[in-house]
Amino acid sequence: LRRDNLHVARLVSPFELDRVPARLTIAHRGALTGMSLEPQGEFESELLSSEVEVEVRAVGLNFRDVLIVLGALPERFMAELGSDCAGTVQAAGSSVRHILRRTPCFGLASGCLAAYARTDARMQVAKPAALSFEGATTLISTWCTVHVGFERISLRGRRRLLLHAAAGGVGLTALEYAQWLCAPALCTAGAPHKHRLLRRQGVALMASSRDAAASTLGAQRYLCGLRLHAVLNSLSADFISAACALLGERGRFEEIGKRGIWSQGRAGAIRHVAYDVRDMSAEAPMNPEWFQRSVLRVLAQRASAEVVHSLPVYEFDIVHRVQDAFRFLANGKNTGKVVLRMSCAHVAPALQLGFGALRSRLDASAGAAAAAIDLDRLADALSLLDRLCRQFVREALKGLDPTTVVKWHHKLLLQWCAGARDGGEGQVDGAAVERAHAGVAPEVALASRCGPHLRAALQGTTAYQELLFPGGSMDAVLPVYQDAVVANFYNGVVLAAVEAVVAGLEDGRQLCVLEVGAGTGGTAAMVLPALQNACAQYLFTDVSEVFLLQAQQRFAEYAG
């Protein structure tokens, strides 16, 4: 119920959002429900020689976007929705040299909440492989604002900084930057979970961002009569005057908020403080050469060197959850960055390959692969490998005192005791197994590495994780899942299926792939090259953080 009107939810499908390029528009300001997706038509003018057209993959939302929708900004701050985007260059003007067509890029583009956006090429740079599209959008406004602000206040080690709303996007970025500069930061935050987050980030000095009086009292207690050198502020009302009171002579106040900003006359009345308003979305278009050279390129270089890291991401799909994304940001629940995935225009909504055709392709591929393996020799080799493993188990159990086995291995001990009966077979060694079939060499190597240490693993004197992953490395287990004959067979079948699906894609369409239980990445290593030009997103999942960290490094070239 809004005023005198009763509104009810209805299913409306004016066009196929998953197949048609779309853009987000504001039908009426004042409520988040005033937004809607509409088909994006052709651009009215030709691409200028200094412009690029970007196929948008992700957009980082700023609180300013929420205020634009609500109509809560002064007129001078009103703009099109969306500014921080990452995607792929679809077309480049004749004078553009630093990014070419199909280059992954990130930067600023006004009105980028659309499938395609045009902008001055100087507002975009090539995306580092270390950042995903979503991760890159978390840094554009946040890091650039912090970088320019800290440069202008000459922040350096041992200079005291007050950082308001430190658990937000700009706040977390500023905190990492200040810690890199060894500058002590007094941080404010609201909800308890945001204080806990800041403690995990190593922050010792914290105050409230909900009550200006309590915040000032806490800051004075921590400062013990000292004064601040600088303030990075995004709050309004009494927080501004209270922060100014905490600054010393020639203190610097960097204002990045959009509401309650002081006028030049009011700021000038405080003679001991330099009050400066920072708005990167307005400054960058006025001086794009400076923005690209001194800001965006520096960000890309530091991200490549892993000095700068992307913020925690809250992802929402623009087709189905755009209002949820804006509402989540408006409620202040996020500790990081809210990102909209712009995948509606170029991702295939369904596979264009029938199950019968796919099954025929897989049958043919599996048959050819099986014929090349020599299945009889492989069966003999696997039987010998089983005997070898049982030998190691029997040796581990011989004379073992059950009371010395750690409790988390009791179930394993019971299973081993039940299956370790000597069947009267002769002894076998690894060389005999490999002679039967060379394709099982990786399994033999792993069994020979772990087998002699099974007793110690049962008793807890040797960590089984260290046997499998010495020093955190996957060198011992990776060949089993990538080079062994059985792994090669199954990965080859998966590859044949992926190639068949890719071949059936319509022009310009791409896939979103989810691999569940990706483990060591053996299958991913096989299929990623085939998906390189046909995949919008490949989600590598596993319950083990070790596997995820290894995959992040191993497959960095496919990031984004």
Protein backbone atom coordinates (compact mmCIF):
# COMPACT_ATOMS: atom_id res chain seq x y z
CA LEU A 1 0.00 0.00 0.00
CA ARG A 2 1.52 3.29 -1.13
CA ARG A 3 -0.53 6.37 -0.27
CA ASP A 4 -4.01 5.51 -1.61
CA ASN A 5 -2.87 2.90 -4.13
CA LEU A 6 -2.76 -0.85 -3.60
CA HIS A 7 0.08 -2.57 -5.48
CA VAL A 8 0.30 -6.32 -6.09
CA ALA A 9 3.10 -8.44 -7.58
CA ARG A 10 2.52 -9.66 -11.11
CA LEU A 11 4.65 -11.64 -13.55
CA VAL A 12 5.56 -9.46 -16.51
CA SER A 13 7.73 -10.57 -19.43
CA PRO A 14 7.89 -7.74 -21.98
CA PHE A 15 10.95 -9.24 -23.61
CA GLU A 16 13.44 -12.05 -23.12
CA LEU A 17 15.86 -10.44 -20.65
CA ASP A 18 18.28 -13.36 -20.88
CA ARG A 19 18.70 -12.96 -24.65
CA VAL A 20 18.30 -9.25 -25.39
CA PRO A 21 20.81 -6.53 -24.40
CA ALA A 22 19.21 -4.59 -21.56
CA ARG A 23 19.82 -1.47 -19.51
CA LEU A 24 18.60 -0.34 -16.10
CA THR A 25 16.39 2.74 -16.13
CA ILE A 26 14.57 4.82 -13.50
CA ALA A 27 10.88 5.13 -14.27
CA HIS A 28 10.32 7.43 -11.30
CA ARG A 29 12.56 8.59 -8.48
CA GLY A 30 11.78 8.29 -4.81
CA ALA A 31 11.63 4.50 -4.34
CA LEU A 32 13.82 1.54 -5.27
CA THR A 33 10.83 -0.05 -6.97
CA GLY A 34 11.04 2.75 -9.56
CA MET A 35 13.84 0.90 -11.40
CA SER A 36 13.20 -1.36 -14.38
CA LEU A 37 15.12 -3.23 -17.07
CA GLU A 38 14.44 -2.26 -20.65
CA PRO A 39 15.85 -3.46 -23.97
CA GLN A 40 18.97 -1.54 -24.95
CA GLY A 41 18.74 -0.34 -28.51
CA GLU A 42 21.52 0.71 -30.85
CA PHE A 43 23.60 3.74 -29.93
CA GLU A 44 22.32 6.86 -31.65
CA SER A 45 25.72 8.06 -32.85
CA GLU A 46 28.90 6.56 -34.25
CA LEU A 47 31.72 5.61 -31.90
CA LEU A 48 34.12 8.54 -31.54
CA SER A 49 37.79 8.08 -32.31
CA SER A 50 38.69 8.58 -28.62
CA GLU A 51 36.00 6.26 -27.23
CA VAL A 52 35.66 2.57 -26.48
CA GLU A 53 32.51 0.48 -26.38
CA VAL A 54 32.58 -1.98 -23.48
CA GLU A 55 30.61 -5.20 -23.18
CA VAL A 56 29.88 -4.85 -19.47
CA ARG A 57 30.41 -7.91 -17.28
CA ALA A 58 30.15 -6.43 -13.77
CA VAL A 59 29.24 -3.10 -12.16
CA GLY A 60 30.21 -2.02 -8.67
CA LEU A 61 27.43 -0.09 -6.95
CA ASN A 62 28.14 3.03 -4.92
CA PHE A 63 25.89 4.56 -2.30
CA ARG A 64 25.54 7.49 -4.66
CA ASP A 65 23.60 5.19 -7.04
CA VAL A 66 21.09 4.49 -4.27
CA LEU A 67 20.70 8.21 -3.59
CA ILE A 68 20.20 8.90 -7.32
CA VAL A 69 17.34 6.41 -7.45
CA LEU A 70 15.80 7.85 -4.29
CA GLY A 71 16.26 11.41 -5.58
CA ALA A 72 18.07 12.30 -2.36
CA LEU A 73 21.09 14.04 -3.91
CA PRO A 74 21.62 17.73 -4.67
CA GLU A 75 21.04 18.44 -8.35
CA ARG A 76 24.74 18.94 -9.06
CA PHE A 77 25.46 15.31 -8.07
CA MET A 78 22.69 13.75 -10.17
CA ALA A 79 23.98 11.49 -12.95
CA GLU A 80 23.19 8.31 -14.83
CA LEU A 81 23.12 5.08 -12.86
CA GLY A 82 26.41 3.22 -12.60
CA SER A 83 30.00 4.36 -12.99
CA ASP A 84 32.38 1.54 -11.93
CA CYS A 85 32.44 -1.20 -14.55
CA ALA A 86 34.57 -4.04 -15.84
CA GLY A 87 34.12 -5.91 -19.08
CA THR A 88 35.57 -6.55 -22.50
CA VAL A 89 36.31 -3.97 -25.19
CA GLN A 90 33.76 -4.56 -27.94
CA ALA A 91 34.99 -1.75 -30.20
CA ALA A 92 37.69 0.90 -30.00
CA GLY A 93 37.99 4.26 -31.73
CA SER A 94 40.65 4.85 -34.36
CA SER A 95 42.93 6.84 -32.02
CA VAL A 96 42.80 4.35 -29.12
CA ARG A 97 46.07 2.46 -28.66
CA HIS A 98 46.36 1.30 -25.04
CA ILE A 99 43.42 -1.15 -25.15
CA LEU A 100 42.28 -3.07 -28.20
CA ARG A 101 39.17 -5.02 -29.13
CA ARG A 102 38.44 -8.07 -26.91
CA THR A 103 40.80 -6.76 -24.20
CA PRO A 104 39.44 -7.23 -20.65
CA CYS A 105 39.25 -3.76 -19.12
CA PHE A 106 38.00 -1.83 -16.10
CA GLY A 107 37.42 1.79 -15.17
CA LEU A 108 34.73 4.47 -15.19
CA ALA A 109 31.81 4.69 -17.61
CA SER A 110 28.77 6.85 -16.86
CA GLY A 111 25.50 4.94 -17.20
CA CYS A 112 27.23 1.55 -17.29
CA LEU A 113 24.30 -0.41 -15.80
CA ALA A 114 23.65 -1.79 -19.25
CA ALA A 115 24.83 -4.61 -21.47
CA TYR A 116 27.02 -2.17 -23.44
CA ALA A 117 28.49 1.18 -22.42
CA ARG A 118 30.52 3.82 -24.21
CA THR A 119 33.12 6.01 -22.54
CA ASP A 120 36.29 7.98 -23.11
CA ALA A 121 39.03 5.39 -23.65
CA ARG A 122 41.23 7.22 -21.16
CA MET A 123 38.78 6.22 -18.43
CA GLN A 124 39.55 2.53 -19.01
CA VAL A 125 42.71 0.41 -18.67
CA ALA A 126 43.50 -3.26 -19.25
CA LYS A 127 42.34 -5.45 -16.36
CA PRO A 128 45.15 -7.31 -14.54
CA ALA A 129 44.88 -11.10 -14.57
CA ALA A 130 45.07 -11.03 -10.76
CA LEU A 131 41.58 -9.47 -10.61
CA SER A 132 38.27 -10.97 -11.67
CA PHE A 133 35.72 -8.72 -13.37
CA GLU A 134 33.74 -8.53 -10.13
CA GLY A 135 36.87 -7.93 -8.03
CA ALA A 136 38.06 -5.14 -10.32
CA THR A 137 34.81 -3.21 -9.88
CA THR A 138 35.28 -3.16 -6.10
CA LEU A 139 38.40 -0.98 -6.44
CA ILE A 140 37.61 1.65 -9.07
CA SER A 141 35.89 4.31 -6.98
CA THR A 142 37.12 3.08 -3.62
CA TRP A 143 40.85 2.75 -4.24
CA CYS A 144 41.05 5.73 -6.60
CA THR A 145 39.31 7.96 -4.03
CA VAL A 146 41.62 6.79 -1.26
CA HIS A 147 44.76 7.05 -3.40
CA VAL A 148 44.06 10.62 -4.49
CA GLY A 149 42.86 11.65 -1.04
CA PHE A 150 45.93 10.24 0.74
CA GLU A 151 48.23 11.87 -1.81
CA ARG A 152 46.66 15.28 -1.21
CA ILE A 153 46.79 15.02 2.57
CA SER A 154 50.37 13.70 2.32
CA LEU A 155 49.58 10.73 4.53
CA ARG A 156 52.65 8.80 5.62
CA GLY A 157 53.89 6.67 8.49
CA ARG A 158 53.14 7.83 12.04
CA ARG A 159 50.56 10.43 10.91
CA ARG A 160 47.31 9.86 12.77
CA LEU A 161 44.21 9.28 10.62
CA LEU A 162 40.50 9.19 11.52
CA LEU A 163 38.68 6.85 9.18
CA HIS A 164 34.88 7.06 9.35
CA ALA A 165 32.69 4.10 8.24
CA ALA A 166 35.78 1.92 8.01
CA ALA A 167 33.89 -1.32 7.31
CA GLY A 168 32.49 -0.02 4.01
CA GLY A 169 34.12 -0.23 0.61
CA VAL A 170 36.16 2.97 0.82
CA GLY A 171 36.87 2.33 4.49
CA LEU A 172 38.38 -1.14 3.99
CA THR A 173 40.43 0.09 1.05
CA ALA A 174 41.67 3.08 3.06
CA LEU A 175 42.52 0.82 5.99
CA GLU A 176 44.65 -1.48 3.81
CA TYR A 177 46.35 1.56 2.25
CA ALA A 178 47.03 3.18 5.66
CA GLN A 179 48.46 -0.08 7.01
CA TRP A 180 50.71 -0.29 3.95
CA LEU A 181 51.93 3.26 4.75
CA CYS A 182 52.31 2.35 8.47
CA ALA A 183 49.96 5.21 9.39
CA PRO A 184 47.94 4.55 12.59
CA ALA A 185 44.19 4.72 11.92
CA LEU A 186 41.34 5.36 14.35
CA CYS A 187 38.33 3.67 12.75
CA THR A 188 34.59 4.04 13.30
CA ALA A 189 31.88 1.51 12.48
CA GLY A 190 28.27 0.86 13.44
CA ALA A 191 27.06 -2.73 13.82
CA PRO A 192 28.93 -5.17 16.10
CA HIS A 193 29.77 -7.49 13.19
CA LYS A 194 31.53 -4.59 11.49
CA HIS A 195 33.64 -3.99 14.61
CA ARG A 196 34.54 -7.68 14.61
CA LEU A 197 35.59 -7.42 10.96
CA LEU A 198 37.86 -4.46 11.73
CA ARG A 199 39.45 -6.33 14.65
CA ARG A 200 40.27 -9.19 12.27
CA GLN A 201 41.92 -6.61 10.01
CA GLY A 202 44.25 -5.66 12.87
CA VAL A 203 42.50 -2.45 13.99
CA ALA A 204 43.06 -1.67 17.67
CA LEU A 205 41.45 1.80 17.90
CA MET A 206 37.71 1.86 17.18
CA ALA A 207 34.73 4.08 17.94
CA SER A 208 31.03 4.32 17.04
CA SER A 209 29.76 5.66 13.73
CA ARG A 210 26.16 5.87 14.99
CA ASP A 211 26.51 8.55 17.65
CA ALA A 212 28.74 11.57 17.10
CA ALA A 213 29.12 12.31 20.81
CA ALA A 214 30.12 8.74 21.65
CA SER A 215 32.49 8.68 18.67
CA THR A 216 34.19 11.90 19.76
CA LEU A 217 34.48 10.75 23.37
CA GLY A 218 36.08 7.47 22.28
CA ALA A 219 38.48 9.25 19.93
CA GLN A 220 39.57 11.69 22.66
CA ARG A 221 40.21 8.80 25.02
CA TYR A 222 42.41 7.03 22.48
CA LEU A 223 44.28 10.21 21.47
CA CYS A 224 45.13 11.11 25.09
CA GLY A 225 45.41 14.82 24.33
CA LEU A 226 47.07 14.41 20.92
CA ARG A 227 45.52 15.71 17.69
CA LEU A 228 44.74 14.07 14.38
CA HIS A 229 46.63 14.87 11.20
CA ALA A 230 43.85 13.90 8.77
CA VAL A 231 40.24 12.75 8.48
CA LEU A 232 38.62 10.71 5.69
CA ASN A 233 34.91 11.26 6.16
CA SER A 234 31.74 9.88 4.60
CA LEU A 235 29.34 10.68 7.46
CA SER A 236 27.19 13.78 7.91
CA ALA A 237 25.69 16.10 10.52
CA ASP A 238 27.60 16.37 13.83
CA PHE A 239 30.31 13.92 12.75
CA ILE A 240 31.84 16.62 10.51
CA SER A 241 32.17 19.29 13.17
CA ALA A 242 33.31 16.75 15.77
CA ALA A 243 36.04 15.43 13.46
CA CYS A 244 37.20 18.98 12.68
CA ALA A 245 37.55 19.62 16.41
CA LEU A 246 39.89 16.63 16.71
CA LEU A 247 42.25 17.90 14.00
CA GLY A 248 45.42 19.76 14.85
CA GLU A 249 46.90 22.84 13.17
CA ARG A 250 47.11 22.46 9.38
CA GLY A 251 44.98 19.32 9.62
CA ARG A 252 43.40 17.94 6.43
CA PHE A 253 39.71 16.98 6.15
CA GLU A 254 38.89 14.89 3.08
CA GLU A 255 35.12 14.81 2.51
CA ILE A 256 33.90 11.92 0.33
CA GLY A 257 30.26 11.96 1.47
CA LYS A 258 27.37 13.24 -0.62
CA ARG A 259 25.01 14.56 2.05
CA GLY A 260 25.47 17.36 4.55
CA ILE A 261 28.58 18.70 2.82
CA TRP A 262 29.75 22.01 4.20
CA SER A 263 29.72 25.08 1.99
CA GLN A 264 32.96 26.90 1.20
CA GLY A 265 31.98 29.72 3.55
CA ARG A 266 31.36 27.39 6.48
CA ALA A 267 34.52 25.37 5.83
CA GLY A 268 36.55 28.57 5.56
CA ALA A 269 35.49 29.62 9.04
CA ILE A 270 37.65 26.83 10.50
CA ARG A 271 41.07 28.37 9.95
CA HIS A 272 43.20 25.53 11.29
CA VAL A 273 41.70 22.88 8.95
CA ALA A 274 41.88 22.46 5.16
CA TYR A 275 38.44 21.11 4.11
CA ASP A 276 38.37 19.43 0.70
CA VAL A 277 35.47 17.67 -1.05
CA ARG A 278 36.41 14.62 -3.11
CA ASP A 279 34.20 13.20 -5.89
CA MET A 280 36.14 10.98 -8.30
CA SER A 281 33.14 10.49 -10.60
CA ALA A 282 33.23 14.24 -11.26
CA GLU A 283 37.00 14.85 -11.13
CA ALA A 284 38.05 12.04 -13.46
CA PRO A 285 36.03 13.15 -16.55
CA MET A 286 37.42 16.68 -16.16
CA ASN A 287 41.01 15.45 -16.43
CA PRO A 288 41.01 11.97 -18.02
CA GLU A 289 44.72 12.03 -18.92
CA TRP A 290 45.65 12.54 -15.27
CA PHE A 291 43.12 9.94 -14.12
CA GLN A 292 44.49 7.26 -16.43
CA ARG A 293 48.18 8.02 -15.93
CA SER A 294 48.30 8.78 -12.21
CA VAL A 295 45.41 6.75 -10.84
CA LEU A 296 44.05 3.88 -12.95
CA ARG A 297 47.42 2.64 -14.23
CA VAL A 298 48.88 2.79 -10.73
CA LEU A 299 45.93 0.72 -9.48
CA ALA A 300 46.44 -1.87 -12.25
CA GLN A 301 50.17 -2.12 -11.52
CA ARG A 302 49.68 -2.54 -7.78
CA ALA A 303 46.91 -5.10 -8.30
CA SER A 304 49.24 -7.09 -10.61
CA ALA A 305 51.93 -6.97 -7.92
CA GLU A 306 49.29 -8.06 -5.35
CA VAL A 307 49.91 -4.96 -3.24
CA VAL A 308 46.22 -4.09 -3.64
CA HIS A 309 43.50 -6.69 -3.12
CA SER A 310 39.86 -6.66 -4.13
CA LEU A 311 37.23 -6.10 -1.46
CA PRO A 312 34.72 -8.68 -0.18
CA VAL A 313 32.04 -8.97 -2.86
CA TYR A 314 28.26 -9.29 -2.54
CA GLU A 315 27.13 -10.41 -6.00
CA PHE A 316 23.63 -9.94 -7.41
CA ASP A 317 22.26 -10.76 -10.84
CA ILE A 318 20.86 -7.70 -12.60
CA VAL A 319 17.99 -9.58 -14.25
CA HIS A 320 16.50 -11.14 -11.13
CA ARG A 321 17.88 -9.30 -8.08
CA VAL A 322 18.61 -5.69 -8.97
CA GLN A 323 16.26 -4.29 -6.32
CA ASP A 324 17.71 -6.64 -3.72
CA ALA A 325 21.18 -5.29 -4.49
CA PHE A 326 20.15 -1.65 -4.08
CA ARG A 327 18.14 -2.42 -0.94
CA PHE A 328 21.03 -4.37 0.59
CA LEU A 329 23.37 -1.42 -0.02
CA ALA A 330 20.81 1.11 1.24
CA ASN A 331 20.37 -0.80 4.51
CA GLY A 332 24.10 -0.59 5.22
CA LYS A 333 24.46 -4.34 5.75
CA ASN A 334 27.47 -4.80 3.50
CA THR A 335 31.08 -4.93 4.65
CA GLY A 336 32.72 -4.55 1.28
CA LYS A 337 31.24 -3.93 -2.16
CA VAL A 338 27.90 -4.73 -3.76
CA VAL A 339 28.38 -5.84 -7.37
CA LEU A 340 25.81 -6.44 -10.10
CA ARG A 341 26.61 -9.15 -12.64
CA MET A 342 25.73 -7.91 -16.12
CA SER A 343 25.48 -11.27 -17.83
CA CYS A 344 22.05 -11.02 -19.41
CA ALA A 345 23.04 -10.25 -22.99
CA HIS A 346 25.87 -12.60 -23.88
CA VAL A 347 25.33 -15.78 -21.84
CA ALA A 348 23.47 -18.62 -23.55
CA PRO A 349 20.18 -19.19 -21.67
CA ALA A 350 20.15 -22.90 -22.59
CA LEU A 351 22.38 -25.41 -24.33
CA GLN A 352 21.78 -25.70 -28.04
CA LEU A 353 22.74 -29.39 -28.09
CA GLY A 354 20.26 -32.22 -27.61
CA PHE A 355 20.99 -34.98 -25.10
CA GLY A 356 20.90 -37.66 -27.80
CA ALA A 357 23.53 -35.90 -29.89
CA LEU A 358 25.70 -35.31 -26.82
CA ARG A 359 25.45 -38.97 -25.78
CA SER A 360 26.47 -40.14 -29.23
CA ARG A 361 29.47 -37.81 -29.15
CA LEU A 362 30.51 -39.09 -25.71
CA ASP A 363 30.06 -42.76 -26.69
CA ALA A 364 32.33 -42.28 -29.68
CA SER A 365 34.94 -40.40 -27.65
CA ALA A 366 34.92 -42.93 -24.79
CA GLY A 367 35.16 -45.84 -27.21
CA ALA A 368 38.18 -44.37 -28.99
CA ALA A 369 39.90 -43.58 -25.70
CA ALA A 370 39.26 -47.05 -24.27
CA ALA A 371 40.66 -48.71 -27.41
CA ALA A 372 43.92 -46.81 -26.98
CA ILE A 373 44.40 -47.81 -23.33
CA ASP A 374 44.77 -51.62 -23.56
CA LEU A 375 42.16 -52.46 -20.94
CA ASP A 376 43.46 -55.97 -20.18
CA ARG A 377 46.90 -54.71 -19.18
CA LEU A 378 45.32 -51.88 -17.22
CA ALA A 379 43.12 -54.34 -15.28
CA ASP A 380 46.19 -56.41 -14.37
CA ALA A 381 48.07 -53.28 -13.28
CA LEU A 382 45.21 -52.10 -11.09
CA SER A 383 44.99 -55.52 -9.47
CA LEU A 384 48.71 -55.40 -8.66
CA LEU A 385 48.33 -51.83 -7.34
CA ASP A 386 45.59 -53.04 -4.99
CA ARG A 387 47.92 -55.80 -3.71
CA LEU A 388 50.69 -53.26 -3.17
CA CYS A 389 48.42 -51.00 -1.10
CA ARG A 390 47.21 -53.94 1.01
CA GLN A 391 50.83 -54.86 1.68
CA PHE A 392 51.47 -51.41 3.09
CA VAL A 393 48.31 -51.68 5.27
CA ARG A 394 49.36 -55.09 6.66
CA GLU A 395 52.83 -53.75 7.49
CA ALA A 396 51.27 -50.78 9.29
CA LEU A 397 48.98 -53.02 11.38
CA LYS A 398 51.62 -55.65 12.25
CA GLY A 399 52.23 -55.44 16.01
CA LEU A 400 50.28 -52.17 16.29
CA ASP A 401 48.89 -51.38 19.77
CA PRO A 402 45.28 -50.20 19.10
CA THR A 403 45.38 -47.88 22.13
CA THR A 404 48.04 -45.78 20.40
CA VAL A 405 45.77 -44.95 17.47
CA VAL A 406 44.33 -41.44 17.65
CA LYS A 407 40.55 -41.41 18.05
CA TRP A 408 39.77 -39.74 14.72
CA HIS A 409 41.35 -42.75 12.96
CA HIS A 410 39.43 -45.46 14.87
CA LYS A 411 36.89 -45.93 12.06
CA LEU A 412 39.70 -46.15 9.51
CA LEU A 413 41.50 -48.71 11.69
CA LEU A 414 38.38 -50.87 11.82
CA GLN A 415 38.04 -50.77 8.03
CA TRP A 416 41.69 -51.64 7.54
CA CYS A 417 41.53 -54.55 9.98
CA ALA A 418 38.50 -55.94 8.12
CA GLY A 419 40.19 -55.67 4.71
CA ALA A 420 43.80 -56.49 5.56
CA ARG A 421 43.55 -60.30 5.61
CA ASP A 422 46.40 -61.93 3.76
CA GLY A 423 44.99 -63.69 0.73
CA GLY A 424 48.14 -65.71 0.17
CA GLU A 425 49.39 -63.56 -2.72
CA GLY A 426 53.11 -63.10 -3.16
CA GLN A 427 54.87 -59.82 -2.55
CA VAL A 428 54.71 -57.18 -5.24
CA ASP A 429 56.70 -53.98 -5.70
CA GLY A 430 56.05 -50.71 -7.50
CA ALA A 431 58.26 -51.63 -10.45
CA ALA A 432 56.13 -54.71 -11.17
CA VAL A 433 52.97 -52.61 -11.18
CA GLU A 434 54.48 -50.10 -13.62
CA ARG A 435 55.67 -52.91 -15.90
CA ALA A 436 52.09 -54.12 -16.15
CA HIS A 437 50.97 -50.69 -17.38
CA ALA A 438 53.00 -47.47 -17.38
CA GLY A 439 49.86 -45.39 -17.09
CA VAL A 440 49.48 -46.16 -13.36
CA ALA A 441 52.91 -44.74 -12.47
CA PRO A 442 51.44 -41.68 -10.67
CA GLU A 443 49.36 -43.91 -8.37
CA VAL A 444 52.38 -46.12 -7.67
CA ALA A 445 54.50 -43.09 -6.79
CA LEU A 446 51.88 -41.79 -4.36
CA ALA A 447 51.34 -45.21 -2.75
CA SER A 448 55.11 -45.69 -2.35
CA ARG A 449 55.39 -42.26 -0.73
CA CYS A 450 52.55 -42.72 1.78
CA GLY A 451 52.62 -46.49 2.42
CA PRO A 452 55.71 -46.69 4.67
CA HIS A 453 54.25 -43.96 6.93
CA LEU A 454 50.76 -45.38 7.48
CA ARG A 455 51.50 -46.55 11.05
CA ALA A 456 52.79 -43.10 12.02
CA ALA A 457 49.71 -41.51 10.45
CA LEU A 458 47.40 -43.77 12.48
CA GLN A 459 49.24 -42.87 15.69
CA GLY A 460 49.15 -39.16 14.86
CA THR A 461 52.92 -38.72 14.86
CA THR A 462 52.86 -37.92 11.14
CA ALA A 463 50.26 -35.64 9.61
CA TYR A 464 48.52 -37.35 6.71
CA GLN A 465 48.05 -33.93 5.09
CA GLU A 466 51.83 -33.56 4.95
CA LEU A 467 52.16 -36.94 3.25
CA LEU A 468 49.72 -35.92 0.53
CA PHE A 469 50.63 -32.23 0.33
CA PRO A 470 54.27 -31.81 1.43
CA GLY A 471 54.82 -28.18 2.38
CA GLY A 472 51.36 -27.33 1.03
CA SER A 473 52.37 -28.43 -2.47
CA MET A 474 50.15 -30.53 -4.75
CA ASP A 475 53.11 -32.01 -6.65
CA ALA A 476 52.56 -35.45 -5.09
CA VAL A 477 48.83 -35.79 -5.87
CA LEU A 478 48.37 -33.70 -9.01
CA PRO A 479 49.75 -36.38 -11.40
CA VAL A 480 47.16 -38.87 -10.06
CA TYR A 481 44.30 -36.60 -11.13
CA GLN A 482 45.85 -35.26 -14.31
CA ASP A 483 48.48 -37.59 -15.80
CA ALA A 484 47.35 -41.07 -14.76
CA VAL A 485 45.67 -43.13 -17.45
CA VAL A 486 42.32 -43.37 -15.65
CA ALA A 487 42.22 -39.64 -14.94
CA ASN A 488 43.16 -38.90 -18.54
CA PHE A 489 40.30 -41.08 -19.74
CA TYR A 490 37.61 -39.38 -17.66
CA ASN A 491 38.98 -35.87 -18.21
CA GLY A 492 39.09 -36.60 -21.93
CA VAL A 493 35.43 -37.58 -21.93
CA VAL A 494 34.52 -34.38 -20.07
CA LEU A 495 36.57 -32.39 -22.59
CA ALA A 496 34.70 -34.03 -25.48
CA ALA A 497 31.39 -33.03 -23.88
CA VAL A 498 32.55 -29.45 -23.37
CA GLU A 499 33.82 -29.18 -26.96
CA ALA A 500 30.48 -30.47 -28.25
CA VAL A 501 28.57 -27.88 -26.22
CA VAL A 502 30.90 -25.07 -27.31
CA ALA A 503 30.53 -26.07 -30.95
CA GLY A 504 26.75 -25.77 -30.62
CA LEU A 505 26.77 -22.24 -29.20
CA GLU A 506 25.18 -19.45 -31.19
CA ASP A 507 27.47 -16.67 -32.35
CA GLY A 508 28.23 -14.22 -29.57
CA ARG A 509 26.90 -16.53 -26.83
CA GLN A 510 29.00 -17.80 -23.92
CA LEU A 511 28.70 -20.34 -21.12
CA CYS A 512 28.59 -20.10 -17.35
CA VAL A 513 30.25 -23.24 -15.93
CA LEU A 514 30.08 -24.55 -12.36
CA GLU A 515 32.53 -27.31 -11.38
CA VAL A 516 31.49 -28.95 -8.12
CA GLY A 517 34.27 -30.61 -6.11
CA ALA A 518 37.03 -29.40 -8.43
CA GLY A 519 39.76 -30.69 -6.10
CA THR A 520 43.26 -30.56 -7.49
CA GLY A 521 42.06 -28.95 -10.70
CA GLY A 522 42.89 -31.84 -13.03
CA THR A 523 39.61 -31.55 -14.93
CA ALA A 524 39.75 -27.75 -14.96
CA ALA A 525 43.24 -27.85 -16.48
CA MET A 526 41.90 -30.05 -19.28
CA VAL A 527 38.78 -28.05 -20.17
CA LEU A 528 39.74 -24.41 -19.52
CA PRO A 529 41.78 -24.03 -22.73
CA ALA A 530 38.75 -25.20 -24.72
CA LEU A 531 36.53 -22.67 -22.92
CA GLN A 532 38.87 -19.70 -23.15
CA ASN A 533 36.87 -17.84 -25.80
CA ALA A 534 33.46 -19.29 -24.98
CA CYS A 535 33.10 -18.90 -21.21
CA ALA A 536 31.61 -15.91 -19.40
CA GLN A 537 32.25 -17.41 -15.95
CA TYR A 538 33.94 -20.58 -14.64
CA LEU A 539 33.20 -21.18 -10.96
CA PHE A 540 35.79 -23.49 -9.32
CA THR A 541 34.38 -24.91 -6.07
CA ASP A 542 35.70 -27.23 -3.37
CA VAL A 543 35.37 -27.69 0.39
CA SER A 544 39.15 -27.44 0.85
CA GLU A 545 40.65 -23.97 1.15
CA VAL A 546 44.02 -25.45 0.12
CA PHE A 547 42.61 -26.51 -3.24
CA LEU A 548 40.96 -23.12 -3.76
CA LEU A 549 44.16 -21.19 -3.01
CA GLN A 550 46.21 -23.47 -5.28
CA ALA A 551 43.67 -23.07 -8.07
CA GLN A 552 43.69 -19.28 -7.69
CA GLN A 553 47.43 -19.26 -8.39
CA ARG A 554 47.48 -22.04 -10.96
CA PHE A 555 44.66 -20.69 -13.11
CA ALA A 556 45.42 -16.98 -12.68
CA GLU A 557 45.69 -16.52 -16.45
CA TYR A 558 42.01 -17.45 -16.77
CA ALA A 559 40.86 -15.04 -14.02
CA GLY A 560 37.97 -12.88 -15.13
